[in-house]
Amino acid sequence: MGPVDPQFRIRALVLIGASLTFASPAYAYLDPGTGSIILQSILAGIAVAMGMLRLYWHRFKSFVANLTGNSQDQKREKSQKVGQEPDV
């Protein structure tokens, strides 16, 4: 993607400005079903996020453990230093 022509930018800004300046009211109507669809979309997104979390639970746990410094490798190293058997 190369550099953008300065004249193109000026024309685009003038077009956007004119569109916003001369815009007329839409008088749009949102029926009650629209709110239901929005709510269903939000709930579906939450369900998908929970499903992905469940699918990748072990990766997520190891990621959080590495962030907090509580990984299984570190626990094994500590237990081997003390002479105990590592928890598996």
PDB file of N, CA and C in Angstrom:
ATOM      1  N   MET A   1       0.847  -1.164   0.000  1.00  0.00           N
ATOM      2  CA  MET A   1       0.000   0.000   0.000  1.00  0.00           C
ATOM      3  C   MET A   1       0.892   1.226   0.000  1.00  0.00           C
ATOM      4  N   GLY A   2       0.833   1.975  -1.060  1.00  0.00           N
ATOM      5  CA  GLY A   2       1.708   3.125  -1.223  1.00  0.00           C
ATOM      6  C   GLY A   2       1.131   4.384  -0.576  1.00  0.00           C
ATOM      7  N   PRO A   3       1.843   5.480  -0.726  1.00  0.00           N
ATOM      8  CA  PRO A   3       1.375   6.737  -0.145  1.00  0.00           C
ATOM      9  C   PRO A   3       0.112   7.219  -0.850  1.00  0.00           C
ATOM     10  N   VAL A   4      -0.739   7.915  -0.095  1.00  0.00           N
ATOM     11  CA  VAL A   4      -2.002   8.407  -0.623  1.00  0.00           C
ATOM     12  C   VAL A   4      -1.796   9.805  -1.170  1.00  0.00           C
ATOM     13  N   ASP A   5      -2.375  10.049  -2.333  1.00  0.00           N
ATOM     14  CA  ASP A   5      -2.271  11.346  -2.990  1.00  0.00           C
ATOM     15  C   ASP A   5      -2.937  12.426  -2.121  1.00  0.00           C
ATOM     16  N   PRO A   6      -2.252  13.559  -1.864  1.00  0.00           N
ATOM     17  CA  PRO A   6      -2.844  14.611  -1.026  1.00  0.00           C
ATOM     18  C   PRO A   6      -4.151  15.159  -1.603  1.00  0.00           C
ATOM     19  N   GLN A   7      -4.285  15.229  -2.921  1.00  0.00           N
ATOM     20  CA  GLN A   7      -5.531  15.718  -3.511  1.00  0.00           C
ATOM     21  C   GLN A   7      -6.688  14.759  -3.225  1.00  0.00           C
ATOM     22  N   PHE A   8      -6.387  13.457  -3.173  1.00  0.00           N
ATOM     23  CA  PHE A   8      -7.416  12.473  -2.849  1.00  0.00           C
ATOM     24  C   PHE A   8      -7.930  12.700  -1.429  1.00  0.00           C
ATOM     25  N   ARG A   9      -7.017  12.961  -0.505  1.00  0.00           N
ATOM     26  CA  ARG A   9      -7.418  13.220   0.886  1.00  0.00           C
ATOM     27  C   ARG A   9      -8.302  14.456   0.981  1.00  0.00           C
ATOM     28  N   ILE A  10      -7.933  15.512   0.258  1.00  0.00           N
ATOM     29  CA  ILE A  10      -8.717  16.750   0.297  1.00  0.00           C
ATOM     30  C   ILE A  10     -10.110  16.503  -0.277  1.00  0.00           C
ATOM     31  N   ARG A  11     -10.192  15.814  -1.413  1.00  0.00           N
ATOM     32  CA  ARG A  11     -11.486  15.511  -2.012  1.00  0.00           C
ATOM     33  C   ARG A  11     -12.347  14.656  -1.081  1.00  0.00           C
ATOM     34  N   ALA A  12     -11.730  13.679  -0.435  1.00  0.00           N
ATOM     35  CA  ALA A  12     -12.472  12.815   0.480  1.00  0.00           C
ATOM     36  C   ALA A  12     -13.006  13.625   1.663  1.00  0.00           C
ATOM     37  N   LEU A  13     -12.190  14.511   2.222  1.00  0.00           N
ATOM     38  CA  LEU A  13     -12.651  15.334   3.341  1.00  0.00           C
ATOM     39  C   LEU A  13     -13.775  16.279   2.928  1.00  0.00           C
ATOM     40  N   VAL A  14     -13.677  16.859   1.738  1.00  0.00           N
ATOM     41  CA  VAL A  14     -14.745  17.744   1.249  1.00  0.00           C
ATOM     42  C   VAL A  14     -16.034  16.947   1.051  1.00  0.00           C
ATOM     43  N   LEU A  15     -15.927  15.752   0.488  1.00  0.00           N
ATOM     44  CA  LEU A  15     -17.108  14.920   0.274  1.00  0.00           C
ATOM     45  C   LEU A  15     -17.754  14.522   1.605  1.00  0.00           C
ATOM     46  N   ILE A  16     -16.942  14.128   2.573  1.00  0.00           N
ATOM     47  CA  ILE A  16     -17.474  13.765   3.891  1.00  0.00           C
ATOM     48  C   ILE A  16     -18.106  14.977   4.563  1.00  0.00           C
ATOM     49  N   GLY A  17     -17.441  16.111   4.490  1.00  0.00           N
ATOM     50  CA  GLY A  17     -17.998  17.326   5.088  1.00  0.00           C
ATOM     51  C   GLY A  17     -19.322  17.724   4.454  1.00  0.00           C
ATOM     52  N   ALA A  18     -19.404  17.649   3.120  1.00  0.00           N
ATOM     53  CA  ALA A  18     -20.656  17.982   2.436  1.00  0.00           C
ATOM     54  C   ALA A  18     -21.759  17.001   2.801  1.00  0.00           C
ATOM     55  N   SER A  19     -21.417  15.724   2.914  1.00  0.00           N
ATOM     56  CA  SER A  19     -22.414  14.720   3.287  1.00  0.00           C
ATOM     57  C   SER A  19     -22.973  14.989   4.677  1.00  0.00           C
ATOM     58  N   LEU A  20     -22.112  15.378   5.607  1.00  0.00           N
ATOM     59  CA  LEU A  20     -22.570  15.653   6.964  1.00  0.00           C
ATOM     60  C   LEU A  20     -23.320  16.981   7.050  1.00  0.00           C
ATOM     61  N   THR A  21     -22.941  17.949   6.245  1.00  0.00           N
ATOM     62  CA  THR A  21     -23.571  19.265   6.287  1.00  0.00           C
ATOM     63  C   THR A  21     -24.981  19.223   5.703  1.00  0.00           C
ATOM     64  N   PHE A  22     -25.161  18.516   4.606  1.00  0.00           N
ATOM     65  CA  PHE A  22     -26.438  18.518   3.914  1.00  0.00           C
ATOM     66  C   PHE A  22     -27.270  17.268   4.193  1.00  0.00           C
ATOM     67  N   ALA A  23     -27.005  16.572   5.280  1.00  0.00           N
ATOM     68  CA  ALA A  23     -27.758  15.371   5.607  1.00  0.00           C
ATOM     69  C   ALA A  23     -29.153  15.748   6.093  1.00  0.00           C
ATOM     70  N   SER A  24     -30.135  14.944   5.705  1.00  0.00           N
ATOM     71  CA  SER A  24     -31.502  15.183   6.156  1.00  0.00           C
ATOM     72  C   SER A  24     -31.862  14.125   7.199  1.00  0.00           C
ATOM     73  N   PRO A  25     -32.849  14.414   8.045  1.00  0.00           N
ATOM     74  CA  PRO A  25     -33.245  13.429   9.055  1.00  0.00           C
ATOM     75  C   PRO A  25     -33.783  12.158   8.393  1.00  0.00           C
ATOM     76  N   ALA A  26     -33.528  11.024   9.006  1.00  0.00           N
ATOM     77  CA  ALA A  26     -33.927   9.745   8.423  1.00  0.00           C
ATOM     78  C   ALA A  26     -35.346   9.351   8.815  1.00  0.00           C
ATOM     79  N   TYR A  27     -35.838   9.822   9.952  1.00  0.00           N
ATOM     80  CA  TYR A  27     -37.146   9.420  10.475  1.00  0.00           C
ATOM     81  C   TYR A  27     -37.255   7.900  10.506  1.00  0.00           C
ATOM     82  N   ALA A  28     -36.227   7.259  11.019  1.00  0.00           N
ATOM     83  CA  ALA A  28     -36.173   5.802  11.071  1.00  0.00           C
ATOM     84  C   ALA A  28     -36.976   5.295  12.263  1.00  0.00           C
ATOM     85  N   TYR A  29     -37.468   4.090  12.132  1.00  0.00           N
ATOM     86  CA  TYR A  29     -38.258   3.460  13.189  1.00  0.00           C
ATOM     87  C   TYR A  29     -37.616   2.129  13.545  1.00  0.00           C
ATOM     88  N   LEU A  30     -37.380   1.927  14.813  1.00  0.00           N
ATOM     89  CA  LEU A  30     -36.855   0.652  15.283  1.00  0.00           C
ATOM     90  C   LEU A  30     -37.978  -0.054  16.040  1.00  0.00           C
ATOM     91  N   ASP A  31     -38.424  -1.167  15.515  1.00  0.00           N
ATOM     92  CA  ASP A  31     -39.506  -1.884  16.180  1.00  0.00           C
ATOM     93  C   ASP A  31     -38.978  -2.680  17.367  1.00  0.00           C
ATOM     94  N   PRO A  32     -39.871  -3.183  18.224  1.00  0.00           N
ATOM     95  CA  PRO A  32     -39.432  -3.919  19.420  1.00  0.00           C
ATOM     96  C   PRO A  32     -38.594  -5.161  19.105  1.00  0.00           C
ATOM     97  N   GLY A  33     -38.763  -5.743  17.941  1.00  0.00           N
ATOM     98  CA  GLY A  33     -37.985  -6.922  17.581  1.00  0.00           C
ATOM     99  C   GLY A  33     -36.506  -6.627  17.430  1.00  0.00           C
ATOM    100  N   THR A  34     -36.163  -5.373  17.141  1.00  0.00           N
ATOM    101  CA  THR A  34     -34.760  -5.001  16.982  1.00  0.00           C
ATOM    102  C   THR A  34     -34.000  -5.169  18.294  1.00  0.00           C
ATOM    103  N   GLY A  35     -34.610  -4.756  19.395  1.00  0.00           N
ATOM    104  CA  GLY A  35     -33.980  -4.930  20.706  1.00  0.00           C
ATOM    105  C   GLY A  35     -33.766  -6.391  21.034  1.00  0.00           C
ATOM    106  N   SER A  36     -34.731  -7.221  20.643  1.00  0.00           N
ATOM    107  CA  SER A  36     -34.607  -8.657  20.872  1.00  0.00           C
ATOM    108  C   SER A  36     -33.443  -9.239  20.083  1.00  0.00           C
ATOM    109  N   ILE A  37     -33.265  -8.812  18.853  1.00  0.00           N
ATOM    110  CA  ILE A  37     -32.161  -9.301  18.026  1.00  0.00           C
ATOM    111  C   ILE A  37     -30.823  -8.862  18.605  1.00  0.00           C
ATOM    112  N   ILE A  38     -30.758  -7.617  19.079  1.00  0.00           N
ATOM    113  CA  ILE A  38     -29.518  -7.123  19.688  1.00  0.00           C
ATOM    114  C   ILE A  38     -29.188  -7.934  20.935  1.00  0.00           C
ATOM    115  N   LEU A  39     -30.200  -8.202  21.772  1.00  0.00           N
ATOM    116  CA  LEU A  39     -29.982  -8.993  22.984  1.00  0.00           C
ATOM    117  C   LEU A  39     -29.528 -10.405  22.629  1.00  0.00           C
ATOM    118  N   GLN A  40     -30.144 -11.014  21.617  1.00  0.00           N
ATOM    119  CA  GLN A  40     -29.738 -12.357  21.195  1.00  0.00           C
ATOM    120  C   GLN A  40     -28.304 -12.371  20.682  1.00  0.00           C
ATOM    121  N   SER A  41     -27.906 -11.324  19.986  1.00  0.00           N
ATOM    122  CA  SER A  41     -26.533 -11.244  19.479  1.00  0.00           C
ATOM    123  C   SER A  41     -25.534 -11.160  20.620  1.00  0.00           C
ATOM    124  N   ILE A  42     -25.852 -10.361  21.633  1.00  0.00           N
ATOM    125  CA  ILE A  42     -24.962 -10.235  22.788  1.00  0.00           C
ATOM    126  C   ILE A  42     -24.851 -11.564  23.520  1.00  0.00           C
ATOM    127  N   LEU A  43     -25.990 -12.222  23.751  1.00  0.00           N
ATOM    128  CA  LEU A  43     -25.974 -13.512  24.444  1.00  0.00           C
ATOM    129  C   LEU A  43     -25.243 -14.578  23.620  1.00  0.00           C
ATOM    130  N   ALA A  44     -25.400 -14.544  22.302  1.00  0.00           N
ATOM    131  CA  ALA A  44     -24.683 -15.503  21.449  1.00  0.00           C
ATOM    132  C   ALA A  44     -23.179 -15.262  21.519  1.00  0.00           C
ATOM    133  N   GLY A  45     -22.769 -14.004  21.558  1.00  0.00           N
ATOM    134  CA  GLY A  45     -21.342 -13.696  21.687  1.00  0.00           C
ATOM    135  C   GLY A  45     -20.772 -14.210  22.996  1.00  0.00           C
ATOM    136  N   ILE A  46     -21.532 -14.054  24.076  1.00  0.00           N
ATOM    137  CA  ILE A  46     -21.089 -14.567  25.377  1.00  0.00           C
ATOM    138  C   ILE A  46     -20.992 -16.088  25.340  1.00  0.00           C
ATOM    139  N   ALA A  47     -21.984 -16.743  24.727  1.00  0.00           N
ATOM    140  CA  ALA A  47     -21.969 -18.209  24.637  1.00  0.00           C
ATOM    141  C   ALA A  47     -20.775 -18.700  23.818  1.00  0.00           C
ATOM    142  N   VAL A  48     -20.473 -18.019  22.728  1.00  0.00           N
ATOM    143  CA  VAL A  48     -19.321 -18.408  21.903  1.00  0.00           C
ATOM    144  C   VAL A  48     -18.026 -18.212  22.683  1.00  0.00           C
ATOM    145  N   ALA A  49     -17.922 -17.099  23.416  1.00  0.00           N
ATOM    146  CA  ALA A  49     -16.716 -16.852  24.202  1.00  0.00           C
ATOM    147  C   ALA A  49     -16.533 -17.936  25.266  1.00  0.00           C
ATOM    148  N   MET A  50     -17.622 -18.332  25.918  1.00  0.00           N
ATOM    149  CA  MET A  50     -17.529 -19.391  26.934  1.00  0.00           C
ATOM    150  C   MET A  50     -17.167 -20.728  26.293  1.00  0.00           C
ATOM    151  N   GLY A  51     -17.711 -21.006  25.107  1.00  0.00           N
ATOM    152  CA  GLY A  51     -17.374 -22.248  24.414  1.00  0.00           C
ATOM    153  C   GLY A  51     -15.914 -22.290  24.006  1.00  0.00           C
ATOM    154  N   MET A  52     -15.397 -21.179  23.513  1.00  0.00           N
ATOM    155  CA  MET A  52     -13.979 -21.129  23.146  1.00  0.00           C
ATOM    156  C   MET A  52     -13.096 -21.262  24.381  1.00  0.00           C
ATOM    157  N   LEU A  53     -13.509 -20.655  25.481  1.00  0.00           N
ATOM    158  CA  LEU A  53     -12.741 -20.779  26.720  1.00  0.00           C
ATOM    159  C   LEU A  53     -12.713 -22.230  27.179  1.00  0.00           C
ATOM    160  N   ARG A  54     -13.851 -22.910  27.073  1.00  0.00           N
ATOM    161  CA  ARG A  54     -13.891 -24.312  27.476  1.00  0.00           C
ATOM    162  C   ARG A  54     -13.033 -25.165  26.548  1.00  0.00           C
ATOM    163  N   LEU A  55     -13.071 -24.849  25.254  1.00  0.00           N
ATOM    164  CA  LEU A  55     -12.297 -25.610  24.274  1.00  0.00           C
ATOM    165  C   LEU A  55     -10.801 -25.458  24.511  1.00  0.00           C
ATOM    166  N   TYR A  56     -10.372 -24.273  24.849  1.00  0.00           N
ATOM    167  CA  TYR A  56      -8.952 -23.997  25.045  1.00  0.00           C
ATOM    168  C   TYR A  56      -8.620 -23.758  26.516  1.00  0.00           C
ATOM    169  N   TRP A  57      -9.287 -24.453  27.424  1.00  0.00           N
ATOM    170  CA  TRP A  57      -9.133 -24.225  28.854  1.00  0.00           C
ATOM    171  C   TRP A  57      -7.691 -24.443  29.317  1.00  0.00           C
ATOM    172  N   HIS A  58      -7.032 -25.495  28.875  1.00  0.00           N
ATOM    173  CA  HIS A  58      -5.677 -25.782  29.336  1.00  0.00           C
ATOM    174  C   HIS A  58      -4.686 -24.732  28.840  1.00  0.00           C
ATOM    175  N   ARG A  59      -4.860 -24.293  27.625  1.00  0.00           N
ATOM    176  CA  ARG A  59      -3.993 -23.222  27.124  1.00  0.00           C
ATOM    177  C   ARG A  59      -4.220 -21.947  27.919  1.00  0.00           C
ATOM    178  N   PHE A  60      -5.475 -21.660  28.220  1.00  0.00           N
ATOM    179  CA  PHE A  60      -5.797 -20.461  28.990  1.00  0.00           C
ATOM    180  C   PHE A  60      -5.194 -20.543  30.392  1.00  0.00           C
ATOM    181  N   LYS A  61      -5.311 -21.714  31.032  1.00  0.00           N
ATOM    182  CA  LYS A  61      -4.749 -21.881  32.378  1.00  0.00           C
ATOM    183  C   LYS A  61      -3.237 -21.709  32.375  1.00  0.00           C
ATOM    184  N   SER A  62      -2.564 -22.288  31.384  1.00  0.00           N
ATOM    185  CA  SER A  62      -1.110 -22.158  31.341  1.00  0.00           C
ATOM    186  C   SER A  62      -0.704 -20.720  31.032  1.00  0.00           C
ATOM    187  N   PHE A  63      -1.493 -20.027  30.210  1.00  0.00           N
ATOM    188  CA  PHE A  63      -1.217 -18.618  29.916  1.00  0.00           C
ATOM    189  C   PHE A  63      -1.331 -17.777  31.184  1.00  0.00           C
ATOM    190  N   VAL A  64      -2.399 -17.973  31.951  1.00  0.00           N
ATOM    191  CA  VAL A  64      -2.589 -17.218  33.194  1.00  0.00           C
ATOM    192  C   VAL A  64      -1.520 -17.599  34.210  1.00  0.00           C
ATOM    193  N   ALA A  65      -1.167 -18.883  34.259  1.00  0.00           N
ATOM    194  CA  ALA A  65      -0.131 -19.326  35.203  1.00  0.00           C
ATOM    195  C   ALA A  65       1.210 -18.705  34.861  1.00  0.00           C
ATOM    196  N   ASN A  66       1.512 -18.598  33.586  1.00  0.00           N
ATOM    197  CA  ASN A  66       2.766 -17.967  33.191  1.00  0.00           C
ATOM    198  C   ASN A  66       2.759 -16.477  33.505  1.00  0.00           C
ATOM    199  N   LEU A  67       1.608 -15.853  33.391  1.00  0.00           N
ATOM    200  CA  LEU A  67       1.507 -14.429  33.732  1.00  0.00           C
ATOM    201  C   LEU A  67       1.724 -14.192  35.221  1.00  0.00           C
ATOM    202  N   THR A  68       1.161 -15.073  36.040  1.00  0.00           N
ATOM    203  CA  THR A  68       1.260 -14.904  37.491  1.00  0.00           C
ATOM    204  C   THR A  68       2.490 -15.571  38.084  1.00  0.00           C
ATOM    205  N   GLY A  69       3.185 -16.392  37.292  1.00  0.00           N
ATOM    206  CA  GLY A  69       4.390 -17.058  37.795  1.00  0.00           C
ATOM    207  C   GLY A  69       4.094 -18.340  38.540  1.00  0.00           C
ATOM    208  N   ASN A  70       2.934 -18.936  38.316  1.00  0.00           N
ATOM    209  CA  ASN A  70       2.551 -20.174  38.989  1.00  0.00           C
ATOM    210  C   ASN A  70       2.462 -21.340  38.010  1.00  0.00           C
ATOM    211  N   SER A  71       3.406 -21.444  37.098  1.00  0.00           N
ATOM    212  CA  SER A  71       3.345 -22.508  36.102  1.00  0.00           C
ATOM    213  C   SER A  71       3.745 -23.845  36.713  1.00  0.00           C
ATOM    214  N   GLN A  72       3.359 -24.940  36.052  1.00  0.00           N
ATOM    215  CA  GLN A  72       3.665 -26.279  36.533  1.00  0.00           C
ATOM    216  C   GLN A  72       5.173 -26.530  36.546  1.00  0.00           C
ATOM    217  N   ASP A  73       5.898 -25.955  35.579  1.00  0.00           N
ATOM    218  CA  ASP A  73       7.351 -26.139  35.537  1.00  0.00           C
ATOM    219  C   ASP A  73       7.999 -25.541  36.784  1.00  0.00           C
ATOM    220  N   GLN A  74       7.547 -24.379  37.193  1.00  0.00           N
ATOM    221  CA  GLN A  74       8.110 -23.753  38.387  1.00  0.00           C
ATOM    222  C   GLN A  74       7.770 -24.553  39.635  1.00  0.00           C
ATOM    223  N   LYS A  75       6.569 -25.138  39.690  1.00  0.00           N
ATOM    224  CA  LYS A  75       6.194 -25.968  40.845  1.00  0.00           C
ATOM    225  C   LYS A  75       7.072 -27.218  40.899  1.00  0.00           C
ATOM    226  N   ARG A  76       7.347 -27.813  39.729  1.00  0.00           N
ATOM    227  CA  ARG A  76       8.206 -29.003  39.699  1.00  0.00           C
ATOM    228  C   ARG A  76       9.618 -28.669  40.163  1.00  0.00           C
ATOM    229  N   GLU A  77      10.138 -27.520  39.715  1.00  0.00           N
ATOM    230  CA  GLU A  77      11.486 -27.115  40.120  1.00  0.00           C
ATOM    231  C   GLU A  77      11.561 -26.909  41.626  1.00  0.00           C
ATOM    232  N   LYS A  78      10.561 -26.283  42.197  1.00  0.00           N
ATOM    233  CA  LYS A  78      10.554 -26.047  43.641  1.00  0.00           C
ATOM    234  C   LYS A  78      10.475 -27.357  44.409  1.00  0.00           C
ATOM    235  N   SER A  79       9.628 -28.289  43.924  1.00  0.00           N
ATOM    236  CA  SER A  79       9.486 -29.559  44.634  1.00  0.00           C
ATOM    237  C   SER A  79      10.749 -30.408  44.491  1.00  0.00           C
ATOM    238  N   GLN A  80      11.455 -30.324  43.371  1.00  0.00           N
ATOM    239  CA  GLN A  80      12.681 -31.082  43.195  1.00  0.00           C
ATOM    240  C   GLN A  80      13.794 -30.521  44.058  1.00  0.00           C
ATOM    241  N   LYS A  81      13.796 -29.228  44.295  1.00  0.00           N
ATOM    242  CA  LYS A  81      14.805 -28.627  45.170  1.00  0.00           C
ATOM    243  C   LYS A  81      14.617 -29.112  46.594  1.00  0.00           C
ATOM    244  N   VAL A  82      13.376 -29.269  47.006  1.00  0.00           N
ATOM    245  CA  VAL A  82      13.084 -29.699  48.359  1.00  0.00           C
ATOM    246  C   VAL A  82      13.245 -31.225  48.494  1.00  0.00           C
ATOM    247  N   GLY A  83      13.150 -31.940  47.373  1.00  0.00           N
ATOM    248  CA  GLY A  83      13.290 -33.391  47.386  1.00  0.00           C
ATOM    249  C   GLY A  83      11.966 -34.091  47.406  1.00  0.00           C
ATOM    250  N   GLN A  84      10.905 -33.428  47.076  1.00  0.00           N
ATOM    251  CA  GLN A  84       9.591 -34.030  47.055  1.00  0.00           C
ATOM    252  C   GLN A  84       9.260 -34.470  45.636  1.00  0.00           C
ATOM    253  N   GLU A  85       8.244 -35.298  45.525  1.00  0.00           N
ATOM    254  CA  GLU A  85       7.750 -35.723  44.215  1.00  0.00           C
ATOM    255  C   GLU A  85       6.909 -34.589  43.637  1.00  0.00           C
ATOM    256  N   PRO A  86       7.048 -34.299  42.360  1.00  0.00           N
ATOM    257  CA  PRO A  86       6.237 -33.236  41.758  1.00  0.00           C
ATOM    258  C   PRO A  86       4.778 -33.662  41.621  1.00  0.00           C
ATOM    259  N   ASP A  87       3.864 -32.717  41.745  1.00  0.00           N
ATOM    260  CA  ASP A  87       2.448 -32.985  41.536  1.00  0.00           C
ATOM    261  C   ASP A  87       2.158 -33.003  40.048  1.00  0.00           C
ATOM    262  N   VAL A  88       1.546 -34.067  39.597  1.00  0.00           N
ATOM    263  CA  VAL A  88       1.234 -34.175  38.172  1.00  0.00           C
ATOM    264  C   VAL A  88      -0.243 -34.201  37.976  1.00  0.00           C
TER     265      VAL A  88
END
